[in-house]
Amino acid sequence: MQSLFEICQGATLVEFPADEVLLPEGATSGHLYVLKDGMVEVLRGDTQVATVGEPGALFGEMSVLLNRPHTATVRTMTPCTLYVFDDAASFLRSNPEIAYHVAKLIAGRLNAATSYLADIKQQFEDRTDHLGMVGEVLDTLMHNQEEEFKPGPERETDSRL
């Protein structure tokens, strides 16, 4: 199997300055980015959910595969060099090795999220207060995959936690 960077050869390689928004949350770009070097942050609203500096990291694949707006903002933290695919859907359809790589990446994320959700569900399954409904919420998330998850309004924090 070819390496990700071998497959990216011939793609547009772009240098971005620090603090450049690559993918804005809520927008649909159709772009896919592959990080060659640098550091980016992933933001959901104003909350930083991840920083990524691993060469070969992909950004934009969920939006492309689900044909939905980006679920988070991806912004450069340092100067970055990225391979840019403007028509990511066509690129993924025409490159089964990349599509397989993306499938493995997403399967890994899903496995981690499922393990985390199962752990949370187990922690709160015996609760009789409002936290007891965590299991119901997680069941809904796990079994209603056709519907897009939309978080509710701002929640009050429970000072007992």
N, C-alpha and C. Protein backbone atom coordinates (compact mmCIF):
# COMPACT_ATOMS: atom_id res chain seq x y z
N MET A 1 0.84 -1.18 0.00
CA MET A 1 0.00 0.00 0.00
C MET A 1 0.88 1.24 0.00
N GLN A 2 0.51 2.20 -0.84
CA GLN A 2 1.27 3.44 -0.90
C GLN A 2 1.07 4.23 0.39
N SER A 3 2.05 5.06 0.72
CA SER A 3 1.89 5.93 1.87
C SER A 3 0.94 7.06 1.51
N LEU A 4 0.37 7.65 2.52
CA LEU A 4 -0.55 8.76 2.31
C LEU A 4 0.13 9.89 1.54
N PHE A 5 1.36 10.18 1.88
CA PHE A 5 2.06 11.29 1.20
C PHE A 5 2.40 10.95 -0.25
N GLU A 6 2.64 9.67 -0.55
CA GLU A 6 2.86 9.28 -1.94
C GLU A 6 1.60 9.52 -2.77
N ILE A 7 0.45 9.21 -2.19
CA ILE A 7 -0.82 9.42 -2.88
C ILE A 7 -1.11 10.91 -3.05
N CYS A 8 -0.66 11.71 -2.09
CA CYS A 8 -0.91 13.16 -2.15
C CYS A 8 0.00 13.87 -3.16
N GLN A 9 1.06 13.20 -3.60
CA GLN A 9 1.96 13.83 -4.57
C GLN A 9 1.15 14.27 -5.79
N GLY A 10 1.39 15.48 -6.23
CA GLY A 10 0.64 16.03 -7.35
C GLY A 10 -0.53 16.87 -6.91
N ALA A 11 -0.95 16.73 -5.66
CA ALA A 11 -2.02 17.57 -5.13
C ALA A 11 -1.46 18.95 -4.81
N THR A 12 -2.34 19.90 -4.65
CA THR A 12 -1.92 21.25 -4.31
C THR A 12 -1.36 21.28 -2.89
N LEU A 13 -0.14 21.75 -2.74
CA LEU A 13 0.51 21.88 -1.44
C LEU A 13 0.52 23.37 -1.11
N VAL A 14 -0.11 23.73 0.02
CA VAL A 14 -0.28 25.14 0.36
C VAL A 14 0.31 25.40 1.74
N GLU A 15 1.01 26.53 1.85
CA GLU A 15 1.52 26.97 3.15
C GLU A 15 0.56 28.00 3.71
N PHE A 16 0.13 27.78 4.95
CA PHE A 16 -0.81 28.67 5.62
C PHE A 16 -0.12 29.32 6.81
N PRO A 17 -0.40 30.59 7.07
CA PRO A 17 0.16 31.23 8.26
C PRO A 17 -0.59 30.77 9.51
N ALA A 18 -0.04 31.10 10.66
CA ALA A 18 -0.73 30.80 11.92
C ALA A 18 -2.04 31.58 11.96
N ASP A 19 -3.02 31.04 12.66
CA ASP A 19 -4.32 31.66 12.89
C ASP A 19 -5.18 31.77 11.62
N GLU A 20 -4.99 30.84 10.70
CA GLU A 20 -5.79 30.80 9.46
C GLU A 20 -6.88 29.74 9.62
N VAL A 21 -8.12 30.13 9.36
CA VAL A 21 -9.22 29.17 9.43
C VAL A 21 -9.23 28.36 8.13
N LEU A 22 -9.08 27.04 8.28
CA LEU A 22 -9.12 26.15 7.13
C LEU A 22 -10.54 25.70 6.85
N LEU A 23 -11.24 25.31 7.90
CA LEU A 23 -12.62 24.84 7.79
C LEU A 23 -13.45 25.55 8.84
N PRO A 24 -14.41 26.36 8.43
CA PRO A 24 -15.26 27.03 9.41
C PRO A 24 -16.46 26.17 9.81
N GLU A 25 -16.68 26.05 11.11
CA GLU A 25 -17.83 25.30 11.62
C GLU A 25 -19.11 25.84 11.00
N GLY A 26 -19.97 24.93 10.56
CA GLY A 26 -21.25 25.32 9.99
C GLY A 26 -21.24 25.58 8.51
N ALA A 27 -20.07 25.66 7.91
CA ALA A 27 -19.96 25.90 6.46
C ALA A 27 -19.73 24.57 5.75
N THR A 28 -20.01 24.55 4.47
CA THR A 28 -19.74 23.38 3.65
C THR A 28 -18.73 23.80 2.59
N SER A 29 -17.56 23.18 2.60
CA SER A 29 -16.51 23.59 1.66
C SER A 29 -16.23 22.55 0.59
N GLY A 30 -16.44 21.27 0.92
CA GLY A 30 -16.08 20.20 0.00
C GLY A 30 -14.58 19.94 -0.03
N HIS A 31 -13.84 20.60 0.86
CA HIS A 31 -12.38 20.48 0.90
C HIS A 31 -11.94 19.39 1.87
N LEU A 32 -10.82 18.80 1.53
CA LEU A 32 -10.14 17.86 2.40
C LEU A 32 -8.70 18.35 2.53
N TYR A 33 -8.18 18.34 3.75
CA TYR A 33 -6.81 18.76 4.00
C TYR A 33 -6.03 17.60 4.60
N VAL A 34 -4.78 17.47 4.19
CA VAL A 34 -3.86 16.50 4.77
C VAL A 34 -2.67 17.29 5.29
N LEU A 35 -2.43 17.19 6.58
CA LEU A 35 -1.36 17.95 7.23
C LEU A 35 0.00 17.37 6.90
N LYS A 36 0.87 18.21 6.34
CA LYS A 36 2.25 17.78 6.10
C LYS A 36 3.11 18.17 7.29
N ASP A 37 2.97 19.43 7.74
CA ASP A 37 3.67 19.86 8.95
C ASP A 37 2.97 21.06 9.56
N GLY A 38 3.22 21.27 10.84
CA GLY A 38 2.59 22.36 11.58
C GLY A 38 1.63 21.82 12.63
N MET A 39 0.88 22.74 13.23
CA MET A 39 -0.06 22.40 14.30
C MET A 39 -1.36 23.15 14.06
N VAL A 40 -2.47 22.41 14.16
CA VAL A 40 -3.79 23.02 14.02
C VAL A 40 -4.59 22.75 15.29
N GLU A 41 -5.65 23.54 15.48
CA GLU A 41 -6.57 23.30 16.57
C GLU A 41 -7.96 23.06 15.99
N VAL A 42 -8.72 22.26 16.70
CA VAL A 42 -10.10 21.97 16.32
C VAL A 42 -10.98 22.59 17.39
N LEU A 43 -11.90 23.44 16.95
CA LEU A 43 -12.76 24.17 17.87
C LEU A 43 -14.22 23.84 17.61
N ARG A 44 -14.96 23.62 18.65
CA ARG A 44 -16.41 23.48 18.56
C ARG A 44 -16.96 24.69 19.29
N GLY A 45 -17.50 25.65 18.53
CA GLY A 45 -17.86 26.93 19.12
C GLY A 45 -16.56 27.61 19.54
N ASP A 46 -16.51 28.03 20.79
CA ASP A 46 -15.28 28.65 21.32
C ASP A 46 -14.42 27.67 22.10
N THR A 47 -14.82 26.40 22.13
CA THR A 47 -14.11 25.40 22.92
C THR A 47 -13.13 24.62 22.06
N GLN A 48 -11.87 24.64 22.47
CA GLN A 48 -10.86 23.85 21.77
C GLN A 48 -11.04 22.39 22.18
N VAL A 49 -11.31 21.53 21.20
CA VAL A 49 -11.52 20.12 21.50
C VAL A 49 -10.30 19.26 21.17
N ALA A 50 -9.39 19.80 20.37
CA ALA A 50 -8.18 19.04 20.03
C ALA A 50 -7.14 19.96 19.43
N THR A 51 -5.88 19.54 19.59
CA THR A 51 -4.78 20.12 18.82
C THR A 51 -4.14 18.96 18.08
N VAL A 52 -3.78 19.21 16.84
CA VAL A 52 -3.26 18.13 16.00
C VAL A 52 -1.99 18.60 15.30
N GLY A 53 -0.93 17.80 15.42
CA GLY A 53 0.32 18.11 14.75
C GLY A 53 0.93 16.90 14.07
N GLU A 54 0.15 15.83 14.00
CA GLU A 54 0.65 14.58 13.42
C GLU A 54 0.62 14.66 11.89
N PRO A 55 1.78 14.55 11.24
CA PRO A 55 1.78 14.55 9.78
C PRO A 55 0.87 13.45 9.24
N GLY A 56 0.06 13.80 8.25
CA GLY A 56 -0.88 12.86 7.67
C GLY A 56 -2.28 12.98 8.23
N ALA A 57 -2.46 13.84 9.25
CA ALA A 57 -3.79 14.03 9.81
C ALA A 57 -4.71 14.61 8.73
N LEU A 58 -5.95 14.16 8.74
CA LEU A 58 -6.95 14.59 7.76
C LEU A 58 -7.97 15.51 8.41
N PHE A 59 -8.45 16.47 7.63
CA PHE A 59 -9.47 17.38 8.10
C PHE A 59 -10.49 17.60 6.99
N GLY A 60 -11.77 17.57 7.35
CA GLY A 60 -12.83 17.83 6.38
C GLY A 60 -13.52 16.58 5.89
N GLU A 61 -13.02 15.40 6.26
CA GLU A 61 -13.57 14.15 5.72
C GLU A 61 -14.99 13.89 6.18
N MET A 62 -15.33 14.24 7.42
CA MET A 62 -16.69 13.98 7.90
C MET A 62 -17.70 14.79 7.10
N SER A 63 -17.42 16.04 6.87
CA SER A 63 -18.33 16.89 6.11
C SER A 63 -18.52 16.36 4.70
N VAL A 64 -17.44 15.94 4.09
CA VAL A 64 -17.50 15.41 2.72
C VAL A 64 -18.30 14.12 2.67
N LEU A 65 -17.99 13.18 3.58
CA LEU A 65 -18.65 11.88 3.55
C LEU A 65 -20.13 11.95 3.93
N LEU A 66 -20.47 12.85 4.84
CA LEU A 66 -21.86 12.97 5.28
C LEU A 66 -22.64 14.01 4.47
N ASN A 67 -21.93 14.74 3.63
CA ASN A 67 -22.55 15.82 2.84
C ASN A 67 -23.29 16.79 3.75
N ARG A 68 -22.59 17.20 4.79
CA ARG A 68 -23.14 18.12 5.79
C ARG A 68 -22.10 19.21 6.08
N PRO A 69 -22.54 20.28 6.70
CA PRO A 69 -21.58 21.33 7.08
C PRO A 69 -20.54 20.80 8.07
N HIS A 70 -19.42 21.48 8.13
CA HIS A 70 -18.35 21.11 9.06
C HIS A 70 -18.86 21.20 10.50
N THR A 71 -18.54 20.20 11.30
CA THR A 71 -19.01 20.16 12.68
C THR A 71 -18.11 20.93 13.63
N ALA A 72 -16.98 21.38 13.14
CA ALA A 72 -16.03 22.12 13.96
C ALA A 72 -15.20 23.02 13.06
N THR A 73 -14.58 23.99 13.68
CA THR A 73 -13.64 24.86 12.98
C THR A 73 -12.25 24.27 13.11
N VAL A 74 -11.50 24.26 12.02
CA VAL A 74 -10.10 23.85 12.06
C VAL A 74 -9.28 25.08 11.71
N ARG A 75 -8.37 25.45 12.62
CA ARG A 75 -7.57 26.67 12.45
C ARG A 75 -6.10 26.36 12.73
N THR A 76 -5.23 26.94 11.94
CA THR A 76 -3.79 26.74 12.15
C THR A 76 -3.35 27.45 13.43
N MET A 77 -2.49 26.79 14.19
CA MET A 77 -1.91 27.39 15.39
C MET A 77 -0.50 27.91 15.10
N THR A 78 0.16 27.24 14.16
CA THR A 78 1.51 27.62 13.73
C THR A 78 1.46 27.69 12.21
N PRO A 79 2.49 28.20 11.58
CA PRO A 79 2.52 28.06 10.12
C PRO A 79 2.42 26.57 9.76
N CYS A 80 1.61 26.26 8.77
CA CYS A 80 1.35 24.86 8.40
C CYS A 80 1.47 24.68 6.89
N THR A 81 1.87 23.48 6.52
CA THR A 81 1.86 23.08 5.12
C THR A 81 0.88 21.93 5.00
N LEU A 82 -0.08 22.08 4.09
CA LEU A 82 -1.12 21.07 3.93
C LEU A 82 -1.37 20.78 2.46
N TYR A 83 -1.69 19.52 2.18
CA TYR A 83 -2.19 19.16 0.87
C TYR A 83 -3.67 19.52 0.87
N VAL A 84 -4.12 20.17 -0.20
CA VAL A 84 -5.49 20.64 -0.29
C VAL A 84 -6.18 19.96 -1.47
N PHE A 85 -7.33 19.37 -1.19
CA PHE A 85 -8.15 18.74 -2.22
C PHE A 85 -9.47 19.51 -2.27
N ASP A 86 -9.67 20.26 -3.35
CA ASP A 86 -10.86 21.10 -3.46
C ASP A 86 -12.13 20.30 -3.71
N ASP A 87 -12.03 19.20 -4.42
CA ASP A 87 -13.18 18.32 -4.65
C ASP A 87 -12.88 17.00 -3.96
N ALA A 88 -13.03 17.03 -2.65
CA ALA A 88 -12.64 15.88 -1.84
C ALA A 88 -13.47 14.64 -2.14
N ALA A 89 -14.74 14.81 -2.44
CA ALA A 89 -15.59 13.64 -2.73
C ALA A 89 -15.05 12.88 -3.94
N SER A 90 -14.71 13.60 -4.99
CA SER A 90 -14.15 12.94 -6.18
C SER A 90 -12.81 12.31 -5.88
N PHE A 91 -12.00 13.00 -5.10
CA PHE A 91 -10.68 12.46 -4.73
C PHE A 91 -10.85 11.15 -3.96
N LEU A 92 -11.77 11.11 -3.00
CA LEU A 92 -11.95 9.89 -2.21
C LEU A 92 -12.52 8.76 -3.07
N ARG A 93 -13.44 9.07 -3.97
CA ARG A 93 -14.01 8.03 -4.84
C ARG A 93 -12.97 7.46 -5.78
N SER A 94 -12.03 8.28 -6.21
CA SER A 94 -11.05 7.82 -7.19
C SER A 94 -9.78 7.25 -6.56
N ASN A 95 -9.68 7.27 -5.24
CA ASN A 95 -8.50 6.77 -4.55
C ASN A 95 -8.91 5.81 -3.44
N PRO A 96 -9.13 4.55 -3.77
CA PRO A 96 -9.59 3.60 -2.75
C PRO A 96 -8.63 3.44 -1.58
N GLU A 97 -7.34 3.64 -1.80
CA GLU A 97 -6.40 3.52 -0.69
C GLU A 97 -6.62 4.63 0.33
N ILE A 98 -6.89 5.85 -0.15
CA ILE A 98 -7.18 6.96 0.76
C ILE A 98 -8.53 6.72 1.44
N ALA A 99 -9.52 6.27 0.66
CA ALA A 99 -10.84 6.00 1.24
C ALA A 99 -10.71 4.95 2.35
N TYR A 100 -9.88 3.93 2.12
CA TYR A 100 -9.65 2.91 3.14
C TYR A 100 -8.97 3.53 4.37
N HIS A 101 -8.00 4.38 4.15
CA HIS A 101 -7.31 5.07 5.24
C HIS A 101 -8.31 5.90 6.05
N VAL A 102 -9.19 6.62 5.35
CA VAL A 102 -10.20 7.44 6.02
C VAL A 102 -11.16 6.54 6.81
N ALA A 103 -11.56 5.41 6.22
CA ALA A 103 -12.45 4.48 6.92
C ALA A 103 -11.80 3.97 8.21
N LYS A 104 -10.51 3.63 8.16
CA LYS A 104 -9.80 3.17 9.35
C LYS A 104 -9.73 4.28 10.40
N LEU A 105 -9.47 5.49 9.96
CA LEU A 105 -9.40 6.63 10.87
C LEU A 105 -10.74 6.84 11.56
N ILE A 106 -11.81 6.83 10.79
CA ILE A 106 -13.14 7.06 11.35
C ILE A 106 -13.55 5.89 12.24
N ALA A 107 -13.22 4.66 11.85
CA ALA A 107 -13.53 3.50 12.69
C ALA A 107 -12.80 3.61 14.03
N GLY A 108 -11.58 4.08 14.02
CA GLY A 108 -10.84 4.27 15.27
C GLY A 108 -11.48 5.31 16.16
N ARG A 109 -11.91 6.41 15.55
CA ARG A 109 -12.61 7.45 16.32
C ARG A 109 -13.91 6.91 16.90
N LEU A 110 -14.66 6.18 16.08
CA LEU A 110 -15.93 5.62 16.53
C LEU A 110 -15.70 4.63 17.67
N ASN A 111 -14.68 3.80 17.56
CA ASN A 111 -14.36 2.85 18.62
C ASN A 111 -14.04 3.58 19.92
N ALA A 112 -13.24 4.63 19.84
CA ALA A 112 -12.89 5.39 21.04
C ALA A 112 -14.13 6.05 21.64
N ALA A 113 -14.96 6.65 20.79
CA ALA A 113 -16.17 7.32 21.28
C ALA A 113 -17.14 6.32 21.89
N THR A 114 -17.31 5.16 21.26
CA THR A 114 -18.21 4.14 21.78
C THR A 114 -17.72 3.62 23.12
N SER A 115 -16.43 3.39 23.24
CA SER A 115 -15.86 2.92 24.51
C SER A 115 -16.08 3.96 25.60
N TYR A 116 -15.87 5.22 25.26
CA TYR A 116 -16.06 6.31 26.22
C TYR A 116 -17.53 6.40 26.65
N LEU A 117 -18.45 6.34 25.67
CA LEU A 117 -19.87 6.43 25.98
C LEU A 117 -20.33 5.25 26.82
N ALA A 118 -19.83 4.06 26.54
CA ALA A 118 -20.19 2.88 27.33
C ALA A 118 -19.71 3.05 28.77
N ASP A 119 -18.51 3.61 28.95
CA ASP A 119 -17.97 3.84 30.28
C ASP A 119 -18.84 4.85 31.03
N ILE A 120 -19.23 5.92 30.37
CA ILE A 120 -20.09 6.93 31.01
C ILE A 120 -21.43 6.30 31.40
N LYS A 121 -22.01 5.54 30.48
CA LYS A 121 -23.29 4.90 30.75
C LYS A 121 -23.19 4.00 31.97
N GLN A 122 -22.11 3.23 32.06
CA GLN A 122 -21.92 2.34 33.20
C GLN A 122 -21.79 3.13 34.50
N GLN A 123 -21.11 4.26 34.46
CA GLN A 123 -20.91 5.06 35.67
C GLN A 123 -22.21 5.62 36.22
N PHE A 124 -23.17 5.91 35.33
CA PHE A 124 -24.40 6.57 35.77
C PHE A 124 -25.63 5.68 35.74
N GLU A 125 -25.50 4.39 35.42
CA GLU A 125 -26.67 3.54 35.25
C GLU A 125 -27.48 3.33 36.53
N ASP A 126 -26.87 3.42 37.68
CA ASP A 126 -27.60 3.19 38.94
C ASP A 126 -28.12 4.47 39.59
N ARG A 127 -27.93 5.60 38.92
CA ARG A 127 -28.37 6.88 39.50
C ARG A 127 -29.88 7.01 39.40
N THR A 128 -30.49 7.57 40.43
CA THR A 128 -31.93 7.81 40.42
C THR A 128 -32.27 9.28 40.24
N ASP A 129 -31.26 10.14 40.26
CA ASP A 129 -31.51 11.57 40.05
C ASP A 129 -31.45 11.88 38.56
N HIS A 130 -31.34 13.15 38.22
CA HIS A 130 -31.34 13.56 36.81
C HIS A 130 -30.18 12.94 36.02
N LEU A 131 -29.11 12.57 36.67
CA LEU A 131 -27.99 11.95 35.96
C LEU A 131 -28.31 10.52 35.53
N GLY A 132 -29.37 9.94 36.09
CA GLY A 132 -29.78 8.61 35.70
C GLY A 132 -30.25 8.53 34.26
N MET A 133 -30.62 9.66 33.68
CA MET A 133 -31.08 9.64 32.29
C MET A 133 -29.91 9.65 31.29
N VAL A 134 -28.69 9.67 31.78
CA VAL A 134 -27.52 9.63 30.90
C VAL A 134 -27.59 8.40 29.99
N GLY A 135 -27.98 7.26 30.55
CA GLY A 135 -28.09 6.04 29.76
C GLY A 135 -29.08 6.18 28.62
N GLU A 136 -30.22 6.82 28.90
CA GLU A 136 -31.23 7.03 27.85
C GLU A 136 -30.69 7.94 26.75
N VAL A 137 -30.00 8.99 27.15
CA VAL A 137 -29.43 9.91 26.17
C VAL A 137 -28.40 9.18 25.30
N LEU A 138 -27.55 8.38 25.92
CA LEU A 138 -26.54 7.65 25.17
C LEU A 138 -27.17 6.61 24.25
N ASP A 139 -28.23 5.94 24.71
CA ASP A 139 -28.94 5.00 23.84
C ASP A 139 -29.48 5.72 22.61
N THR A 140 -30.04 6.89 22.82
CA THR A 140 -30.57 7.68 21.71
C THR A 140 -29.46 8.04 20.73
N LEU A 141 -28.32 8.45 21.25
CA LEU A 141 -27.19 8.80 20.39
C LEU A 141 -26.72 7.60 19.58
N MET A 142 -26.68 6.44 20.22
CA MET A 142 -26.13 5.26 19.57
C MET A 142 -27.09 4.64 18.56
N HIS A 143 -28.40 4.79 18.78
CA HIS A 143 -29.36 4.07 17.95
C HIS A 143 -30.12 4.93 16.95
N ASN A 144 -30.00 6.23 17.02
CA ASN A 144 -30.66 7.13 16.07
C ASN A 144 -29.60 7.75 15.18
N GLN A 145 -28.95 6.92 14.38
CA GLN A 145 -27.83 7.38 13.59
C GLN A 145 -28.24 8.13 12.34
N GLU A 146 -29.49 8.01 11.90
CA GLU A 146 -29.92 8.73 10.71
C GLU A 146 -30.17 10.20 11.00
N GLU A 147 -30.50 10.51 12.24
CA GLU A 147 -30.77 11.88 12.60
C GLU A 147 -29.49 12.56 13.04
N GLU A 148 -29.38 13.83 12.69
CA GLU A 148 -28.22 14.59 13.12
C GLU A 148 -28.39 14.96 14.58
N PHE A 149 -27.37 14.73 15.40
CA PHE A 149 -27.42 15.09 16.80
C PHE A 149 -27.27 16.59 16.94
N LYS A 150 -28.19 17.20 17.68
CA LYS A 150 -28.13 18.63 17.95
C LYS A 150 -28.23 18.82 19.45
N PRO A 151 -27.17 19.34 20.07
CA PRO A 151 -27.21 19.50 21.52
C PRO A 151 -28.29 20.51 21.90
N GLY A 152 -28.82 20.34 23.11
CA GLY A 152 -29.86 21.23 23.61
C GLY A 152 -29.29 22.56 24.02
N PRO A 153 -30.15 23.39 24.63
CA PRO A 153 -29.70 24.72 25.08
C PRO A 153 -28.66 24.58 26.18
N GLU A 154 -28.04 25.68 26.48
CA GLU A 154 -27.03 25.68 27.53
C GLU A 154 -27.61 25.04 28.78
N ARG A 155 -26.83 24.17 29.40
CA ARG A 155 -27.30 23.48 30.59
C ARG A 155 -26.66 24.09 31.82
N GLU A 156 -27.45 24.09 32.91
CA GLU A 156 -26.89 24.53 34.18
C GLU A 156 -25.95 23.44 34.68
N THR A 157 -24.88 23.84 35.27
CA THR A 157 -23.95 22.84 35.80
C THR A 157 -24.43 22.38 37.15
N ASP A 158 -24.21 21.15 37.45
CA ASP A 158 -24.58 20.56 38.73
C ASP A 158 -23.36 20.68 39.64
N SER A 159 -23.48 21.48 40.67
CA SER A 159 -22.34 21.74 41.56
C SER A 159 -21.95 20.51 42.36
N ARG A 160 -22.80 19.46 42.36
CA ARG A 160 -22.47 18.24 43.10
C ARG A 160 -21.49 17.36 42.34
N LEU A 161 -21.23 17.66 41.05
CA LEU A 161 -20.36 16.79 40.24
C LEU A 161 -18.92 17.15 40.42
